[in-house]
Amino acid sequence: MSQRVTSRSFLASHLRTRAAVLAAGMGVTAVVGAGIAAAADTTAAHSTSTTAKAVQTQADVQAKAAKTQAAEAQKTTEVKKTTEVKKAAKPAQPAKKKAAWVDPVKKYTVSATYAQAGGMWQSAHSGQDFAVPNGTKVMATHGGTVVKAGGNGAGDGPAYGNAVVINHGNGTYSQYAHLSQVNVQPGQVVKTGQKIALSGNTGNSSGPHLHFEIRTGAHYGSAIDPVKFLRGKGVNF
């Protein structure tokens, strides 16, 4: 009788102990599960927060870039408007006119003058001499039509050597003498500054130079002061 009671008591105690162990195990599992769930929630919350911050940061950067771009566009517009206003305020410069009359040669030294007395002329000098090296380009002092060109003073006598005479209209003619080379012919239309010959030392000449006349007719004896005439046309000596 005593052994059965002891056995039952031991069995009951063993069952209670086992049940307690199982219960404890289930509690631990629950606690662990709860911990894992809590950790998962914390991780998710942290991830959501990080993503939100990244999105916000990106939005801030884009907003700043847009603001900077807008400011630059505004500045460009203002500069453009200012430039346009300045251009509108500045009066248009008239196109520079080409000279109507020019020197017959460049880089010269003025030598014998108009009406100068001397033994080399029949009475007085009929033109203006420009001392230049032989072969210097001679230009039409104004546009017109060539009426004389060639040797023997182009018909005005051997004293002129090779010569050219140009009709400029309105009773005005120009003559170029003592030339080494003639590059135009009668009837040819020339422009202001166009090459017509090369300077020389032909005819009654004491050295290389260009003899230049302004005439009221095509022939010898109708000359006027060429320097005074050209100065009246804006040509300076």
C-alpha atoms as a PDB file:
ATOM      1  CA  MET A   1       0.000   0.000   0.000  1.00  0.00           C
ATOM      2  CA  SER A   2       2.755   2.372   0.805  1.00  0.00           C
ATOM      3  CA  GLN A   3       4.632   1.599  -2.451  1.00  0.00           C
ATOM      4  CA  ARG A   4       1.532   2.337  -4.636  1.00  0.00           C
ATOM      5  CA  VAL A   5       0.955   5.655  -2.964  1.00  0.00           C
ATOM      6  CA  THR A   6       4.581   6.549  -3.473  1.00  0.00           C
ATOM      7  CA  SER A   7       4.433   5.576  -7.148  1.00  0.00           C
ATOM      8  CA  ARG A   8       1.301   7.586  -7.798  1.00  0.00           C
ATOM      9  CA  SER A   9       2.728  10.530  -5.966  1.00  0.00           C
ATOM     10  CA  PHE A  10       5.946  10.309  -7.945  1.00  0.00           C
ATOM     11  CA  LEU A  11       4.053  10.016 -11.245  1.00  0.00           C
ATOM     12  CA  ALA A  12       1.898  12.994 -10.481  1.00  0.00           C
ATOM     13  CA  SER A  13       4.925  15.030  -9.476  1.00  0.00           C
ATOM     14  CA  HIS A  14       6.749  13.989 -12.634  1.00  0.00           C
ATOM     15  CA  LEU A  15       3.809  15.008 -14.802  1.00  0.00           C
ATOM     16  CA  ARG A  16       3.569  18.368 -13.112  1.00  0.00           C
ATOM     17  CA  THR A  17       7.266  18.968 -13.590  1.00  0.00           C
ATOM     18  CA  ARG A  18       7.065  18.025 -17.259  1.00  0.00           C
ATOM     19  CA  ALA A  19       4.063  20.244 -17.749  1.00  0.00           C
ATOM     20  CA  ALA A  20       5.889  23.116 -16.115  1.00  0.00           C
ATOM     21  CA  VAL A  21       8.886  22.536 -18.362  1.00  0.00           C
ATOM     22  CA  LEU A  22       6.652  22.507 -21.468  1.00  0.00           C
ATOM     23  CA  ALA A  23       4.911  25.629 -20.294  1.00  0.00           C
ATOM     24  CA  ALA A  24       8.212  27.301 -19.646  1.00  0.00           C
ATOM     25  CA  GLY A  25       9.371  26.279 -23.110  1.00  0.00           C
ATOM     26  CA  MET A  26       6.272  27.690 -24.670  1.00  0.00           C
ATOM     27  CA  GLY A  27       6.826  30.913 -22.746  1.00  0.00           C
ATOM     28  CA  VAL A  28      10.374  31.199 -23.940  1.00  0.00           C
ATOM     29  CA  THR A  29       9.238  30.584 -27.505  1.00  0.00           C
ATOM     30  CA  ALA A  30       6.596  33.264 -27.156  1.00  0.00           C
ATOM     31  CA  VAL A  31       9.084  35.673 -25.693  1.00  0.00           C
ATOM     32  CA  VAL A  32      11.593  34.951 -28.444  1.00  0.00           C
ATOM     33  CA  GLY A  33       8.877  35.302 -31.091  1.00  0.00           C
ATOM     34  CA  ALA A  34       7.796  38.572 -29.628  1.00  0.00           C
ATOM     35  CA  GLY A  35      11.397  39.763 -29.646  1.00  0.00           C
ATOM     36  CA  ILE A  36      11.840  38.813 -33.283  1.00  0.00           C
ATOM     37  CA  ALA A  37       8.615  40.546 -34.191  1.00  0.00           C
ATOM     38  CA  ALA A  38       9.668  43.661 -32.301  1.00  0.00           C
ATOM     39  CA  ALA A  39      13.057  43.634 -34.014  1.00  0.00           C
ATOM     40  CA  ALA A  40      11.365  43.237 -37.396  1.00  0.00           C
ATOM     41  CA  ASP A  41       9.099  46.166 -36.637  1.00  0.00           C
ATOM     42  CA  THR A  42      12.095  48.278 -35.582  1.00  0.00           C
ATOM     43  CA  THR A  43      14.030  47.362 -38.767  1.00  0.00           C
ATOM     44  CA  ALA A  44      11.048  48.141 -40.953  1.00  0.00           C
ATOM     45  CA  ALA A  45      10.511  51.466 -39.228  1.00  0.00           C
ATOM     46  CA  HIS A  46      14.192  52.332 -39.621  1.00  0.00           C
ATOM     47  CA  SER A  47      14.129  51.362 -43.301  1.00  0.00           C
ATOM     48  CA  THR A  48      11.024  53.472 -43.899  1.00  0.00           C
ATOM     49  CA  SER A  49      12.612  56.420 -42.148  1.00  0.00           C
ATOM     50  CA  THR A  50      15.827  56.108 -44.186  1.00  0.00           C
ATOM     51  CA  THR A  51      13.877  55.923 -47.451  1.00  0.00           C
ATOM     52  CA  ALA A  52      11.829  58.949 -46.498  1.00  0.00           C
ATOM     53  CA  LYS A  53      14.980  60.903 -45.689  1.00  0.00           C
ATOM     54  CA  ALA A  54      16.556  59.898 -49.022  1.00  0.00           C
ATOM     55  CA  VAL A  55      13.452  60.973 -50.919  1.00  0.00           C
ATOM     56  CA  GLN A  56      13.339  64.257 -49.054  1.00  0.00           C
ATOM     57  CA  THR A  57      17.051  64.863 -49.682  1.00  0.00           C
ATOM     58  CA  GLN A  58      16.608  64.190 -53.395  1.00  0.00           C
ATOM     59  CA  ALA A  59      13.610  66.507 -53.495  1.00  0.00           C
ATOM     60  CA  ASP A  60      15.625  69.235 -51.760  1.00  0.00           C
ATOM     61  CA  VAL A  61      18.508  68.851 -54.245  1.00  0.00           C
ATOM     62  CA  GLN A  62      16.137  69.019 -57.212  1.00  0.00           C
ATOM     63  CA  ALA A  63      14.375  72.042 -55.783  1.00  0.00           C
ATOM     64  CA  LYS A  64      17.713  73.801 -55.233  1.00  0.00           C
ATOM     65  CA  ALA A  65      18.837  72.979 -58.776  1.00  0.00           C
ATOM     66  CA  ALA A  66      15.565  74.256 -60.204  1.00  0.00           C
ATOM     67  CA  LYS A  67      15.897  77.450 -58.196  1.00  0.00           C
ATOM     68  CA  THR A  68      19.474  77.979 -59.393  1.00  0.00           C
ATOM     69  CA  GLN A  69      18.460  77.328 -63.004  1.00  0.00           C
ATOM     70  CA  ALA A  70      15.591  79.776 -62.729  1.00  0.00           C
ATOM     71  CA  ALA A  71      17.907  82.405 -61.253  1.00  0.00           C
ATOM     72  CA  GLU A  72      20.428  81.930 -64.095  1.00  0.00           C
ATOM     73  CA  ALA A  73      17.658  82.153 -66.690  1.00  0.00           C
ATOM     74  CA  GLN A  74      16.410  85.365 -65.078  1.00  0.00           C
ATOM     75  CA  LYS A  75      19.938  86.793 -65.062  1.00  0.00           C
ATOM     76  CA  THR A  76      20.430  85.900 -68.734  1.00  0.00           C
ATOM     77  CA  THR A  77      17.133  87.553 -69.613  1.00  0.00           C
ATOM     78  CA  GLU A  78      18.083  90.709 -67.711  1.00  0.00           C
ATOM     79  CA  VAL A  79      21.504  90.868 -69.398  1.00  0.00           C
ATOM     80  CA  LYS A  80      19.881  90.404 -72.806  1.00  0.00           C
ATOM     81  CA  LYS A  81      17.366  93.163 -72.089  1.00  0.00           C
ATOM     82  CA  THR A  82      20.148  95.495 -70.903  1.00  0.00           C
ATOM     83  CA  THR A  83      22.180  94.789 -74.051  1.00  0.00           C
ATOM     84  CA  GLU A  84      19.182  95.421 -76.269  1.00  0.00           C
ATOM     85  CA  VAL A  85      18.465  98.683 -74.469  1.00  0.00           C
ATOM     86  CA  LYS A  86      22.080  99.805 -74.922  1.00  0.00           C
ATOM     87  CA  LYS A  87      21.989  98.909 -78.606  1.00  0.00           C
ATOM     88  CA  ALA A  88      18.730 100.783 -79.030  1.00  0.00           C
ATOM     89  CA  ALA A  89      20.129 103.808 -77.196  1.00  0.00           C
ATOM     90  CA  LYS A  90      23.349 103.862 -79.263  1.00  0.00           C
ATOM     91  CA  PRO A  91      22.835 105.718 -82.524  1.00  0.00           C
ATOM     92  CA  ALA A  92      23.663 103.759 -85.644  1.00  0.00           C
ATOM     93  CA  GLN A  93      26.984 104.754 -87.148  1.00  0.00           C
ATOM     94  CA  PRO A  94      26.737 105.789 -90.768  1.00  0.00           C
ATOM     95  CA  ALA A  95      28.689 103.672 -93.202  1.00  0.00           C
ATOM     96  CA  LYS A  96      32.077 105.139 -93.926  1.00  0.00           C
ATOM     97  CA  LYS A  97      32.052 106.651 -97.370  1.00  0.00           C
ATOM     98  CA  LYS A  98      34.807 105.904 -99.811  1.00  0.00           C
ATOM     99  CA  ALA A  99      36.879 108.897-100.771  1.00  0.00           C
ATOM    100  CA  ALA A 100      35.559 110.592-103.917  1.00  0.00           C
ATOM    101  CA  TRP A 101      39.027 111.878-104.838  1.00  0.00           C
ATOM    102  CA  VAL A 102      42.441 110.455-103.883  1.00  0.00           C
ATOM    103  CA  ASP A 103      46.141 111.179-104.333  1.00  0.00           C
ATOM    104  CA  PRO A 104      47.464 109.878-107.653  1.00  0.00           C
ATOM    105  CA  VAL A 105      50.408 108.203-105.848  1.00  0.00           C
ATOM    106  CA  LYS A 106      51.248 107.177-102.290  1.00  0.00           C
ATOM    107  CA  LYS A 107      54.344 107.871-100.163  1.00  0.00           C
ATOM    108  CA  TYR A 108      55.611 110.749-102.243  1.00  0.00           C
ATOM    109  CA  THR A 109      57.611 113.924-101.786  1.00  0.00           C
ATOM    110  CA  VAL A 110      56.107 117.102-103.224  1.00  0.00           C
ATOM    111  CA  SER A 111      58.623 118.698-105.583  1.00  0.00           C
ATOM    112  CA  ALA A 112      57.959 121.280-108.329  1.00  0.00           C
ATOM    113  CA  THR A 113      54.701 123.113-107.707  1.00  0.00           C
ATOM    114  CA  TYR A 114      52.050 124.606-109.953  1.00  0.00           C
ATOM    115  CA  ALA A 115      53.049 127.866-111.704  1.00  0.00           C
ATOM    116  CA  GLN A 116      56.647 127.535-110.512  1.00  0.00           C
ATOM    117  CA  ALA A 117      59.105 129.309-112.791  1.00  0.00           C
ATOM    118  CA  GLY A 118      62.081 127.481-114.246  1.00  0.00           C
ATOM    119  CA  GLY A 119      64.155 126.819-117.315  1.00  0.00           C
ATOM    120  CA  MET A 120      62.668 123.352-117.868  1.00  0.00           C
ATOM    121  CA  TRP A 121      59.264 124.779-118.884  1.00  0.00           C
ATOM    122  CA  GLN A 122      58.225 127.150-121.662  1.00  0.00           C
ATOM    123  CA  SER A 123      56.787 129.629-119.155  1.00  0.00           C
ATOM    124  CA  ALA A 124      55.692 128.230-115.778  1.00  0.00           C
ATOM    125  CA  HIS A 125      55.129 124.752-114.439  1.00  0.00           C
ATOM    126  CA  SER A 126      51.664 123.541-115.443  1.00  0.00           C
ATOM    127  CA  GLY A 127      51.113 120.955-112.724  1.00  0.00           C
ATOM    128  CA  GLN A 128      52.292 119.420-109.459  1.00  0.00           C
ATOM    129  CA  ASP A 129      55.230 117.012-109.342  1.00  0.00           C
ATOM    130  CA  PHE A 130      55.328 114.043-106.956  1.00  0.00           C
ATOM    131  CA  ALA A 131      58.809 112.597-106.487  1.00  0.00           C
ATOM    132  CA  VAL A 132      58.475 108.811-106.282  1.00  0.00           C
ATOM    133  CA  PRO A 133      60.678 105.848-107.249  1.00  0.00           C
ATOM    134  CA  ASN A 134      60.506 104.654-110.832  1.00  0.00           C
ATOM    135  CA  GLY A 135      57.718 102.061-111.228  1.00  0.00           C
ATOM    136  CA  THR A 136      55.458 103.434-108.474  1.00  0.00           C
ATOM    137  CA  LYS A 137      51.767 102.662-109.013  1.00  0.00           C
ATOM    138  CA  VAL A 138      49.839 105.607-110.437  1.00  0.00           C
ATOM    139  CA  MET A 139      46.105 105.728-109.671  1.00  0.00           C
ATOM    140  CA  ALA A 140      43.138 107.529-111.151  1.00  0.00           C
ATOM    141  CA  THR A 141      42.511 110.391-108.758  1.00  0.00           C
ATOM    142  CA  HIS A 142      38.791 110.105-109.542  1.00  0.00           C
ATOM    143  CA  GLY A 143      36.529 107.891-111.629  1.00  0.00           C
ATOM    144  CA  GLY A 144      36.053 108.758-115.283  1.00  0.00           C
ATOM    145  CA  THR A 145      36.799 107.861-118.894  1.00  0.00           C
ATOM    146  CA  VAL A 146      40.278 107.734-120.399  1.00  0.00           C
ATOM    147  CA  VAL A 147      40.458 110.164-123.349  1.00  0.00           C
ATOM    148  CA  LYS A 148      44.218 110.032-124.016  1.00  0.00           C
ATOM    149  CA  ALA A 149      46.882 107.404-123.377  1.00  0.00           C
ATOM    150  CA  GLY A 150      50.324 106.728-124.822  1.00  0.00           C
ATOM    151  CA  GLY A 151      53.609 108.286-125.906  1.00  0.00           C
ATOM    152  CA  ASN A 152      54.364 111.804-127.057  1.00  0.00           C
ATOM    153  CA  GLY A 153      52.417 113.116-124.089  1.00  0.00           C
ATOM    154  CA  ALA A 154      49.348 111.266-125.428  1.00  0.00           C
ATOM    155  CA  GLY A 155      49.154 114.025-128.040  1.00  0.00           C
ATOM    156  CA  ASP A 156      50.272 116.924-125.834  1.00  0.00           C
ATOM    157  CA  GLY A 157      53.928 116.869-126.921  1.00  0.00           C
ATOM    158  CA  PRO A 158      57.145 114.948-126.226  1.00  0.00           C
ATOM    159  CA  ALA A 159      57.936 116.931-123.093  1.00  0.00           C
ATOM    160  CA  TYR A 160      55.344 114.891-121.199  1.00  0.00           C
ATOM    161  CA  GLY A 161      56.769 111.543-122.262  1.00  0.00           C
ATOM    162  CA  ASN A 162      54.216 108.732-121.785  1.00  0.00           C
ATOM    163  CA  ALA A 163      50.950 110.215-120.471  1.00  0.00           C
ATOM    164  CA  VAL A 164      47.295 109.569-119.642  1.00  0.00           C
ATOM    165  CA  VAL A 165      44.370 112.015-119.562  1.00  0.00           C
ATOM    166  CA  ILE A 166      41.034 111.159-117.867  1.00  0.00           C
ATOM    167  CA  ASN A 167      37.725 112.970-118.286  1.00  0.00           C
ATOM    168  CA  HIS A 168      35.878 113.177-114.925  1.00  0.00           C
ATOM    169  CA  GLY A 169      32.837 115.055-116.251  1.00  0.00           C
ATOM    170  CA  ASN A 170      31.653 118.589-115.546  1.00  0.00           C
ATOM    171  CA  GLY A 171      34.611 120.001-117.476  1.00  0.00           C
ATOM    172  CA  THR A 172      37.253 118.430-115.225  1.00  0.00           C
ATOM    173  CA  TYR A 173      40.214 116.387-116.511  1.00  0.00           C
ATOM    174  CA  SER A 174      43.295 114.919-114.849  1.00  0.00           C
ATOM    175  CA  GLN A 175      46.638 114.309-116.566  1.00  0.00           C
ATOM    176  CA  TYR A 176      49.509 111.979-115.543  1.00  0.00           C
ATOM    177  CA  ALA A 177      52.892 112.290-117.281  1.00  0.00           C
ATOM    178  CA  HIS A 178      56.520 110.994-117.477  1.00  0.00           C
ATOM    179  CA  LEU A 179      55.171 107.432-117.066  1.00  0.00           C
ATOM    180  CA  SER A 180      57.304 104.330-117.513  1.00  0.00           C
ATOM    181  CA  GLN A 181      54.254 102.205-118.331  1.00  0.00           C
ATOM    182  CA  VAL A 182      50.674 102.931-119.442  1.00  0.00           C
ATOM    183  CA  ASN A 183      48.015 100.374-118.360  1.00  0.00           C
ATOM    184  CA  VAL A 184      44.839 101.914-119.851  1.00  0.00           C
ATOM    185  CA  GLN A 185      43.597 102.926-123.292  1.00  0.00           C
ATOM    186  CA  PRO A 186      41.287 105.615-124.670  1.00  0.00           C
ATOM    187  CA  GLY A 187      37.603 104.902-124.063  1.00  0.00           C
ATOM    188  CA  GLN A 188      38.264 102.813-120.956  1.00  0.00           C
ATOM    189  CA  VAL A 189      36.197 103.632-117.861  1.00  0.00           C
ATOM    190  CA  VAL A 190      38.205 103.684-114.642  1.00  0.00           C
ATOM    191  CA  LYS A 191      37.291 103.932-110.952  1.00  0.00           C
ATOM    192  CA  THR A 192      38.667 106.152-108.220  1.00  0.00           C
ATOM    193  CA  GLY A 193      41.984 104.712-107.023  1.00  0.00           C
ATOM    194  CA  GLN A 194      42.307 102.268-109.918  1.00  0.00           C
ATOM    195  CA  LYS A 195      45.825 101.614-111.208  1.00  0.00           C
ATOM    196  CA  ILE A 196      46.305 103.280-114.601  1.00  0.00           C
ATOM    197  CA  ALA A 197      50.103 103.378-115.010  1.00  0.00           C
ATOM    198  CA  LEU A 198      53.552 103.217-113.425  1.00  0.00           C
ATOM    199  CA  SER A 199      55.635 106.312-112.728  1.00  0.00           C
ATOM    200  CA  GLY A 200      58.813 106.915-114.670  1.00  0.00           C
ATOM    201  CA  ASN A 201      61.281 109.387-116.110  1.00  0.00           C
ATOM    202  CA  THR A 202      60.218 109.735-119.739  1.00  0.00           C
ATOM    203  CA  GLY A 203      60.019 113.012-121.668  1.00  0.00           C
ATOM    204  CA  ASN A 204      61.447 116.257-120.323  1.00  0.00           C
ATOM    205  CA  SER A 205      62.241 114.990-116.815  1.00  0.00           C
ATOM    206  CA  SER A 206      65.168 115.472-114.468  1.00  0.00           C
ATOM    207  CA  GLY A 207      64.451 112.325-112.440  1.00  0.00           C
ATOM    208  CA  PRO A 208      61.761 109.744-111.590  1.00  0.00           C
ATOM    209  CA  HIS A 209      58.515 111.470-110.641  1.00  0.00           C
ATOM    210  CA  LEU A 210      54.870 111.895-111.592  1.00  0.00           C
ATOM    211  CA  HIS A 211      53.763 115.122-113.248  1.00  0.00           C
ATOM    212  CA  PHE A 212      50.093 115.645-112.379  1.00  0.00           C
ATOM    213  CA  GLU A 213      47.651 118.220-113.745  1.00  0.00           C
ATOM    214  CA  ILE A 214      44.008 119.166-113.273  1.00  0.00           C
ATOM    215  CA  ARG A 215      42.595 120.695-116.439  1.00  0.00           C
ATOM    216  CA  THR A 216      39.415 122.337-117.639  1.00  0.00           C
ATOM    217  CA  GLY A 217      39.893 120.644-121.014  1.00  0.00           C
ATOM    218  CA  ALA A 218      41.586 117.569-122.414  1.00  0.00           C
ATOM    219  CA  HIS A 219      44.541 119.434-123.936  1.00  0.00           C
ATOM    220  CA  TYR A 220      47.676 121.260-122.833  1.00  0.00           C
ATOM    221  CA  GLY A 221      47.185 124.862-121.720  1.00  0.00           C
ATOM    222  CA  SER A 222      43.977 124.398-119.709  1.00  0.00           C
ATOM    223  CA  ALA A 223      45.578 123.493-116.378  1.00  0.00           C
ATOM    224  CA  ILE A 224      44.546 124.892-112.968  1.00  0.00           C
ATOM    225  CA  ASP A 225      46.209 124.542-109.549  1.00  0.00           C
ATOM    226  CA  PRO A 226      45.884 120.774-108.821  1.00  0.00           C
ATOM    227  CA  VAL A 227      46.758 121.007-105.115  1.00  0.00           C
ATOM    228  CA  LYS A 228      44.135 123.683-104.458  1.00  0.00           C
ATOM    229  CA  PHE A 229      41.591 121.694-106.466  1.00  0.00           C
ATOM    230  CA  LEU A 230      42.229 118.398-104.646  1.00  0.00           C
ATOM    231  CA  ARG A 231      42.204 120.067-101.244  1.00  0.00           C
ATOM    232  CA  GLY A 232      38.749 121.364-102.141  1.00  0.00           C
ATOM    233  CA  LYS A 233      37.795 117.697-102.656  1.00  0.00           C
ATOM    234  CA  GLY A 234      39.093 116.657 -99.233  1.00  0.00           C
ATOM    235  CA  VAL A 235      42.516 115.381-100.304  1.00  0.00           C
ATOM    236  CA  ASN A 236      45.325 116.555 -98.009  1.00  0.00           C
ATOM    237  CA  PHE A 237      48.963 116.992 -98.996  1.00  0.00           C
END
